[in-house]
């Protein structure tokens, strides 16, 4: 005998793609906080960059974009961010 799957598990809900909004794209303060947290979690330097009106974050060693688009590099070994 198998147990029936519960109707509702946790507090997750599916949001249609058209209604999803990026969390980091347009808010510089939020992007900075996420970049610093990511650098500390991975313990590798990460780059915060801006393209048009959106921000992105990626590992510094993998960034090969425009150097002028870099807002800041976060190094987890640096005491100030």
PDB file of N, CA and C in Angstrom:
ATOM      1  N   UNK A   1       0.842  -1.174   0.000  1.00  0.00           N
ATOM      2  CA  UNK A   1       0.000   0.000   0.000  1.00  0.00           C
ATOM      3  C   UNK A   1       0.889   1.239   0.000  1.00  0.00           C
ATOM      4  N   UNK A   2       0.603   2.179  -0.857  1.00  0.00           N
ATOM      5  CA  UNK A   2       1.383   3.417  -0.918  1.00  0.00           C
ATOM      6  C   UNK A   2       0.572   4.549  -0.327  1.00  0.00           C
ATOM      7  N   UNK A   3       1.281   5.467   0.267  1.00  0.00           N
ATOM      8  CA  UNK A   3       0.617   6.627   0.866  1.00  0.00           C
ATOM      9  C   UNK A   3       0.274   7.631  -0.219  1.00  0.00           C
ATOM     10  N   UNK A   4      -0.850   8.242  -0.110  1.00  0.00           N
ATOM     11  CA  UNK A   4      -1.261   9.276  -1.068  1.00  0.00           C
ATOM     12  C   UNK A   4      -0.431  10.530  -0.851  1.00  0.00           C
ATOM     13  N   UNK A   5      -0.083  11.183  -1.929  1.00  0.00           N
ATOM     14  CA  UNK A   5       0.695  12.423  -1.839  1.00  0.00           C
ATOM     15  C   UNK A   5      -0.182  13.517  -1.243  1.00  0.00           C
ATOM     16  N   UNK A   6       0.372  14.315  -0.341  1.00  0.00           N
ATOM     17  CA  UNK A   6      -0.425  15.408   0.227  1.00  0.00           C
ATOM     18  C   UNK A   6      -0.763  16.439  -0.838  1.00  0.00           C
ATOM     19  N   UNK A   7      -1.908  17.077  -0.675  1.00  0.00           N
ATOM     20  CA  UNK A   7      -2.342  18.099  -1.621  1.00  0.00           C
ATOM     21  C   UNK A   7      -1.426  19.312  -1.602  1.00  0.00           C
ATOM     22  N   UNK A   8      -0.977  19.737  -0.421  1.00  0.00           N
ATOM     23  CA  UNK A   8      -0.180  20.946  -0.284  1.00  0.00           C
ATOM     24  C   UNK A   8       1.022  20.645   0.605  1.00  0.00           C
ATOM     25  N   UNK A   9       2.200  20.852   0.082  1.00  0.00           N
ATOM     26  CA  UNK A   9       3.425  20.638   0.840  1.00  0.00           C
ATOM     27  C   UNK A   9       4.180  21.953   0.900  1.00  0.00           C
ATOM     28  N   UNK A  10       4.470  22.441   2.084  1.00  0.00           N
ATOM     29  CA  UNK A  10       5.228  23.683   2.250  1.00  0.00           C
ATOM     30  C   UNK A  10       4.452  24.904   1.784  1.00  0.00           C
ATOM     31  N   UNK A  11       5.182  25.973   1.547  1.00  0.00           N
ATOM     32  CA  UNK A  11       4.548  27.233   1.182  1.00  0.00           C
ATOM     33  C   UNK A  11       4.891  27.640  -0.243  1.00  0.00           C
ATOM     34  N   UNK A  12       5.252  26.662  -1.092  1.00  0.00           N
ATOM     35  CA  UNK A  12       5.640  26.965  -2.467  1.00  0.00           C
ATOM     36  C   UNK A  12       4.408  27.147  -3.335  1.00  0.00           C
ATOM     37  N   UNK A  13       4.542  28.046  -4.284  1.00  0.00           N
ATOM     38  CA  UNK A  13       3.492  28.198  -5.271  1.00  0.00           C
ATOM     39  C   UNK A  13       4.146  28.549  -6.595  1.00  0.00           C
ATOM     40  N   UNK A  14       3.545  28.128  -7.648  1.00  0.00           N
ATOM     41  CA  UNK A  14       4.082  28.361  -8.985  1.00  0.00           C
ATOM     42  C   UNK A  14       3.587  29.713  -9.472  1.00  0.00           C
ATOM     43  N   UNK A  15       4.516  30.506  -9.981  1.00  0.00           N
ATOM     44  CA  UNK A  15       4.174  31.819 -10.530  1.00  0.00           C
ATOM     45  C   UNK A  15       4.435  31.767 -12.024  1.00  0.00           C
ATOM     46  N   UNK A  16       3.455  32.111 -12.843  1.00  0.00           N
ATOM     47  CA  UNK A  16       3.669  32.107 -14.294  1.00  0.00           C
ATOM     48  C   UNK A  16       4.858  32.984 -14.680  1.00  0.00           C
ATOM     49  N   UNK A  17       5.579  32.569 -15.706  1.00  0.00           N
ATOM     50  CA  UNK A  17       6.788  33.286 -16.125  1.00  0.00           C
ATOM     51  C   UNK A  17       6.522  34.756 -16.416  1.00  0.00           C
ATOM     52  N   UNK A  18       5.376  35.084 -16.958  1.00  0.00           N
ATOM     53  CA  UNK A  18       5.073  36.478 -17.293  1.00  0.00           C
ATOM     54  C   UNK A  18       4.968  37.362 -16.051  1.00  0.00           C
ATOM     55  N   UNK A  19       4.668  36.781 -14.886  1.00  0.00           N
ATOM     56  CA  UNK A  19       4.507  37.569 -13.668  1.00  0.00           C
ATOM     57  C   UNK A  19       5.762  37.599 -12.809  1.00  0.00           C
ATOM     58  N   UNK A  20       6.777  36.823 -13.163  1.00  0.00           N
ATOM     59  CA  UNK A  20       8.005  36.796 -12.373  1.00  0.00           C
ATOM     60  C   UNK A  20       8.785  38.078 -12.582  1.00  0.00           C
ATOM     61  N   UNK A  21       9.347  38.593 -11.502  1.00  0.00           N
ATOM     62  CA  UNK A  21      10.176  39.785 -11.599  1.00  0.00           C
ATOM     63  C   UNK A  21      11.548  39.448 -11.046  1.00  0.00           C
ATOM     64  N   UNK A  22      12.615  39.861 -11.705  1.00  0.00           N
ATOM     65  CA  UNK A  22      13.955  39.577 -11.184  1.00  0.00           C
ATOM     66  C   UNK A  22      14.181  40.297  -9.863  1.00  0.00           C
ATOM     67  N   UNK A  23      14.885  39.638  -8.969  1.00  0.00           N
ATOM     68  CA  UNK A  23      15.148  40.222  -7.666  1.00  0.00           C
ATOM     69  C   UNK A  23      16.345  41.159  -7.682  1.00  0.00           C
ATOM     70  N   UNK A  24      17.274  40.920  -8.572  1.00  0.00           N
ATOM     71  CA  UNK A  24      18.525  41.664  -8.509  1.00  0.00           C
ATOM     72  C   UNK A  24      18.680  42.647  -9.665  1.00  0.00           C
ATOM     73  N   UNK A  25      17.871  42.576 -10.676  1.00  0.00           N
ATOM     74  CA  UNK A  25      18.107  43.290 -11.931  1.00  0.00           C
ATOM     75  C   UNK A  25      18.213  44.797 -11.845  1.00  0.00           C
ATOM     76  N   UNK A  26      17.278  45.462 -11.193  1.00  0.00           N
ATOM     77  CA  UNK A  26      17.228  46.915 -11.272  1.00  0.00           C
ATOM     78  C   UNK A  26      17.569  47.631  -9.970  1.00  0.00           C
ATOM     79  N   UNK A  27      17.822  46.919  -8.910  1.00  0.00           N
ATOM     80  CA  UNK A  27      18.069  47.519  -7.604  1.00  0.00           C
ATOM     81  C   UNK A  27      19.546  47.378  -7.245  1.00  0.00           C
ATOM     82  N   UNK A  28      20.289  48.491  -7.283  1.00  0.00           N
ATOM     83  CA  UNK A  28      21.727  48.458  -7.041  1.00  0.00           C
ATOM     84  C   UNK A  28      22.051  47.969  -5.634  1.00  0.00           C
ATOM     85  N   UNK A  29      21.347  48.443  -4.625  1.00  0.00           N
ATOM     86  CA  UNK A  29      21.638  48.037  -3.247  1.00  0.00           C
ATOM     87  C   UNK A  29      21.445  46.538  -3.070  1.00  0.00           C
ATOM     88  N   UNK A  30      20.364  46.007  -3.617  1.00  0.00           N
ATOM     89  CA  UNK A  30      20.107  44.575  -3.531  1.00  0.00           C
ATOM     90  C   UNK A  30      21.183  43.792  -4.283  1.00  0.00           C
ATOM     91  N   UNK A  31      21.568  44.277  -5.457  1.00  0.00           N
ATOM     92  CA  UNK A  31      22.609  43.617  -6.251  1.00  0.00           C
ATOM     93  C   UNK A  31      23.939  43.606  -5.502  1.00  0.00           C
ATOM     94  N   UNK A  32      24.277  44.715  -4.850  1.00  0.00           N
ATOM     95  CA  UNK A  32      25.519  44.776  -4.081  1.00  0.00           C
ATOM     96  C   UNK A  32      25.509  43.770  -2.932  1.00  0.00           C
ATOM     97  N   UNK A  33      24.393  43.700  -2.229  1.00  0.00           N
ATOM     98  CA  UNK A  33      24.292  42.758  -1.111  1.00  0.00           C
ATOM     99  C   UNK A  33      24.390  41.313  -1.580  1.00  0.00           C
ATOM    100  N   UNK A  34      23.716  40.996  -2.683  1.00  0.00           N
ATOM    101  CA  UNK A  34      23.789  39.633  -3.215  1.00  0.00           C
ATOM    102  C   UNK A  34      25.198  39.305  -3.703  1.00  0.00           C
ATOM    103  N   UNK A  35      25.860  40.254  -4.328  1.00  0.00           N
ATOM    104  CA  UNK A  35      27.220  40.025  -4.821  1.00  0.00           C
ATOM    105  C   UNK A  35      28.171  39.754  -3.659  1.00  0.00           C
ATOM    106  N   UNK A  36      28.078  40.553  -2.608  1.00  0.00           N
ATOM    107  CA  UNK A  36      28.946  40.351  -1.448  1.00  0.00           C
ATOM    108  C   UNK A  36      28.656  39.004  -0.790  1.00  0.00           C
ATOM    109  N   UNK A  37      27.376  38.665  -0.632  1.00  0.00           N
ATOM    110  CA  UNK A  37      27.010  37.376  -0.031  1.00  0.00           C
ATOM    111  C   UNK A  37      27.499  36.209  -0.884  1.00  0.00           C
ATOM    112  N   UNK A  38      27.387  36.333  -2.203  1.00  0.00           N
ATOM    113  CA  UNK A  38      27.846  35.272  -3.093  1.00  0.00           C
ATOM    114  C   UNK A  38      29.354  35.082  -2.986  1.00  0.00           C
ATOM    115  N   UNK A  39      30.094  36.186  -2.948  1.00  0.00           N
ATOM    116  CA  UNK A  39      31.549  36.099  -2.809  1.00  0.00           C
ATOM    117  C   UNK A  39      31.928  35.397  -1.504  1.00  0.00           C
ATOM    118  N   UNK A  40      31.244  35.746  -0.418  1.00  0.00           N
ATOM    119  CA  UNK A  40      31.531  35.127   0.887  1.00  0.00           C
ATOM    120  C   UNK A  40      31.116  33.656   0.929  1.00  0.00           C
ATOM    121  N   UNK A  41      30.036  33.318   0.256  1.00  0.00           N
ATOM    122  CA  UNK A  41      29.576  31.928   0.238  1.00  0.00           C
ATOM    123  C   UNK A  41      30.503  31.050  -0.584  1.00  0.00           C
ATOM    124  N   UNK A  42      30.873  31.510  -1.774  1.00  0.00           N
ATOM    125  CA  UNK A  42      31.744  30.731  -2.650  1.00  0.00           C
ATOM    126  C   UNK A  42      33.218  30.870  -2.298  1.00  0.00           C
ATOM    127  N   UNK A  43      33.540  31.927  -1.539  1.00  0.00           N
ATOM    128  CA  UNK A  43      34.927  32.260  -1.179  1.00  0.00           C
ATOM    129  C   UNK A  43      35.803  32.469  -2.413  1.00  0.00           C
ATOM    130  N   UNK A  44      35.221  33.144  -3.407  1.00  0.00           N
ATOM    131  CA  UNK A  44      35.946  33.554  -4.611  1.00  0.00           C
ATOM    132  C   UNK A  44      35.511  34.971  -4.955  1.00  0.00           C
ATOM    133  N   UNK A  45      36.372  35.750  -5.613  1.00  0.00           N
ATOM    134  CA  UNK A  45      35.971  37.095  -6.035  1.00  0.00           C
ATOM    135  C   UNK A  45      34.841  37.032  -7.066  1.00  0.00           C
ATOM    136  N   UNK A  46      33.888  37.956  -6.969  1.00  0.00           N
ATOM    137  CA  UNK A  46      32.812  38.059  -7.954  1.00  0.00           C
ATOM    138  C   UNK A  46      32.736  39.484  -8.468  1.00  0.00           C
ATOM    139  N   UNK A  47      32.200  39.623  -9.658  1.00  0.00           N
ATOM    140  CA  UNK A  47      32.051  40.909 -10.336  1.00  0.00           C
ATOM    141  C   UNK A  47      30.577  41.302 -10.329  1.00  0.00           C
ATOM    142  N   UNK A  48      30.303  42.542  -9.952  1.00  0.00           N
ATOM    143  CA  UNK A  48      28.972  43.133 -10.129  1.00  0.00           C
ATOM    144  C   UNK A  48      29.093  44.026 -11.354  1.00  0.00           C
ATOM    145  N   UNK A  49      28.269  43.775 -12.370  1.00  0.00           N
ATOM    146  CA  UNK A  49      28.343  44.558 -13.597  1.00  0.00           C
ATOM    147  C   UNK A  49      26.971  45.080 -13.975  1.00  0.00           C
ATOM    148  N   UNK A  50      26.960  46.109 -14.819  1.00  0.00           N
ATOM    149  CA  UNK A  50      25.707  46.726 -15.261  1.00  0.00           C
ATOM    150  C   UNK A  50      25.686  46.767 -16.777  1.00  0.00           C
ATOM    151  N   UNK A  51      24.577  46.282 -17.327  1.00  0.00           N
ATOM    152  CA  UNK A  51      24.354  46.349 -18.767  1.00  0.00           C
ATOM    153  C   UNK A  51      23.010  47.015 -18.959  1.00  0.00           C
ATOM    154  N   UNK A  52      23.024  48.156 -19.610  1.00  0.00           N
ATOM    155  CA  UNK A  52      21.851  49.009 -19.771  1.00  0.00           C
ATOM    156  C   UNK A  52      21.318  49.362 -18.383  1.00  0.00           C
ATOM    157  N   UNK A  53      20.138  48.925 -18.026  1.00  0.00           N
ATOM    158  CA  UNK A  53      19.594  49.281 -16.705  1.00  0.00           C
ATOM    159  C   UNK A  53      19.532  48.089 -15.764  1.00  0.00           C
ATOM    160  N   UNK A  54      20.211  46.989 -16.108  1.00  0.00           N
ATOM    161  CA  UNK A  54      20.173  45.785 -15.283  1.00  0.00           C
ATOM    162  C   UNK A  54      21.549  45.454 -14.732  1.00  0.00           C
ATOM    163  N   UNK A  55      21.543  44.855 -13.536  1.00  0.00           N
ATOM    164  CA  UNK A  55      22.782  44.433 -12.889  1.00  0.00           C
ATOM    165  C   UNK A  55      22.899  42.923 -12.954  1.00  0.00           C
ATOM    166  N   UNK A  56      24.126  42.450 -12.984  1.00  0.00           N
ATOM    167  CA  UNK A  56      24.400  41.016 -12.961  1.00  0.00           C
ATOM    168  C   UNK A  56      25.596  40.744 -12.082  1.00  0.00           C
ATOM    169  N   UNK A  57      25.721  39.507 -11.644  1.00  0.00           N
ATOM    170  CA  UNK A  57      26.831  39.093 -10.787  1.00  0.00           C
ATOM    171  C   UNK A  57      27.369  37.782 -11.324  1.00  0.00           C
ATOM    172  N   UNK A  58      28.676  37.667 -11.391  1.00  0.00           N
ATOM    173  CA  UNK A  58      29.281  36.398 -11.771  1.00  0.00           C
ATOM    174  C   UNK A  58      30.696  36.299 -11.209  1.00  0.00           C
ATOM    175  N   UNK A  59      31.219  35.096 -11.186  1.00  0.00           N
ATOM    176  CA  UNK A  59      32.568  34.852 -10.688  1.00  0.00           C
ATOM    177  C   UNK A  59      33.562  35.635 -11.547  1.00  0.00           C
ATOM    178  N   UNK A  60      34.487  36.315 -10.915  1.00  0.00           N
ATOM    179  CA  UNK A  60      35.432  37.194 -11.624  1.00  0.00           C
ATOM    180  C   UNK A  60      36.230  36.461 -12.693  1.00  0.00           C
ATOM    181  N   UNK A  61      36.662  35.247 -12.392  1.00  0.00           N
ATOM    182  CA  UNK A  61      37.492  34.501 -13.343  1.00  0.00           C
ATOM    183  C   UNK A  61      36.740  34.127 -14.613  1.00  0.00           C
ATOM    184  N   UNK A  62      35.414  34.171 -14.584  1.00  0.00           N
ATOM    185  CA  UNK A  62      34.615  33.823 -15.749  1.00  0.00           C
ATOM    186  C   UNK A  62      34.120  35.047 -16.517  1.00  0.00           C
ATOM    187  N   UNK A  63      34.327  36.238 -15.977  1.00  0.00           N
ATOM    188  CA  UNK A  63      33.834  37.455 -16.625  1.00  0.00           C
ATOM    189  C   UNK A  63      34.743  37.837 -17.777  1.00  0.00           C
ATOM    190  N   UNK A  64      34.183  37.915 -18.971  1.00  0.00           N
ATOM    191  CA  UNK A  64      34.959  38.345 -20.135  1.00  0.00           C
ATOM    192  C   UNK A  64      34.241  39.471 -20.882  1.00  0.00           C
ATOM    193  N   UNK A  65      33.384  40.175 -20.166  1.00  0.00           N
ATOM    194  CA  UNK A  65      32.629  41.275 -20.755  1.00  0.00           C
ATOM    195  C   UNK A  65      33.415  42.575 -20.746  1.00  0.00           C
ATOM    196  N   UNK A  66      32.730  43.625 -21.056  1.00  0.00           N
ATOM    197  CA  UNK A  66      33.287  44.969 -21.121  1.00  0.00           C
ATOM    198  C   UNK A  66      33.781  45.409 -19.738  1.00  0.00           C
ATOM    199  N   UNK A  67      35.028  45.817 -19.645  1.00  0.00           N
ATOM    200  CA  UNK A  67      35.588  46.275 -18.368  1.00  0.00           C
ATOM    201  C   UNK A  67      34.888  47.531 -17.869  1.00  0.00           C
ATOM    202  N   UNK A  68      34.335  48.313 -18.774  1.00  0.00           N
ATOM    203  CA  UNK A  68      33.615  49.523 -18.393  1.00  0.00           C
ATOM    204  C   UNK A  68      32.261  49.245 -17.750  1.00  0.00           C
ATOM    205  N   UNK A  69      31.776  48.007 -17.896  1.00  0.00           N
ATOM    206  CA  UNK A  69      30.477  47.633 -17.322  1.00  0.00           C
ATOM    207  C   UNK A  69      30.598  47.199 -15.858  1.00  0.00           C
ATOM    208  N   UNK A  70      31.837  47.009 -15.391  1.00  0.00           N
ATOM    209  CA  UNK A  70      32.047  46.541 -14.018  1.00  0.00           C
ATOM    210  C   UNK A  70      31.730  47.664 -13.040  1.00  0.00           C
ATOM    211  N   UNK A  71      30.837  47.371 -12.091  1.00  0.00           N
ATOM    212  CA  UNK A  71      30.489  48.316 -11.041  1.00  0.00           C
ATOM    213  C   UNK A  71      31.449  48.142  -9.878  1.00  0.00           C
ATOM    214  N   UNK A  72      31.708  46.876  -9.506  1.00  0.00           N
ATOM    215  CA  UNK A  72      32.598  46.599  -8.376  1.00  0.00           C
ATOM    216  C   UNK A  72      32.994  45.134  -8.390  1.00  0.00           C
ATOM    217  N   UNK A  73      34.187  44.852  -7.865  1.00  0.00           N
ATOM    218  CA  UNK A  73      34.605  43.460  -7.647  1.00  0.00           C
ATOM    219  C   UNK A  73      34.629  43.204  -6.160  1.00  0.00           C
ATOM    220  N   UNK A  74      33.979  42.142  -5.748  1.00  0.00           N
ATOM    221  CA  UNK A  74      33.914  41.772  -4.332  1.00  0.00           C
ATOM    222  C   UNK A  74      34.838  40.596  -4.077  1.00  0.00           C
ATOM    223  N   UNK A  75      35.807  40.804  -3.184  1.00  0.00           N
ATOM    224  CA  UNK A  75      36.760  39.755  -2.821  1.00  0.00           C
ATOM    225  C   UNK A  75      36.452  39.346  -1.381  1.00  0.00           C
ATOM    226  N   UNK A  76      36.161  38.077  -1.154  1.00  0.00           N
ATOM    227  CA  UNK A  76      35.785  37.630   0.193  1.00  0.00           C
ATOM    228  C   UNK A  76      36.918  37.763   1.220  1.00  0.00           C
ATOM    229  N   UNK A  77      38.133  37.916   0.726  1.00  0.00           N
ATOM    230  CA  UNK A  77      39.265  38.049   1.656  1.00  0.00           C
ATOM    231  C   UNK A  77      39.554  39.500   2.004  1.00  0.00           C
ATOM    232  N   UNK A  78      38.820  40.418   1.392  1.00  0.00           N
ATOM    233  CA  UNK A  78      38.996  41.839   1.671  1.00  0.00           C
ATOM    234  C   UNK A  78      38.046  42.242   2.800  1.00  0.00           C
ATOM    235  N   UNK A  79      38.518  42.908   3.847  1.00  0.00           N
ATOM    236  CA  UNK A  79      37.672  43.220   4.986  1.00  0.00           C
ATOM    237  C   UNK A  79      36.541  44.208   4.700  1.00  0.00           C
ATOM    238  N   UNK A  80      36.726  45.101   3.765  1.00  0.00           N
ATOM    239  CA  UNK A  80      35.670  46.081   3.460  1.00  0.00           C
ATOM    240  C   UNK A  80      34.977  45.692   2.167  1.00  0.00           C
ATOM    241  N   UNK A  81      33.680  45.977   2.055  1.00  0.00           N
ATOM    242  CA  UNK A  81      33.006  45.678   0.786  1.00  0.00           C
ATOM    243  C   UNK A  81      32.341  46.885   0.206  1.00  0.00           C
TER     244      UNK A  81
END
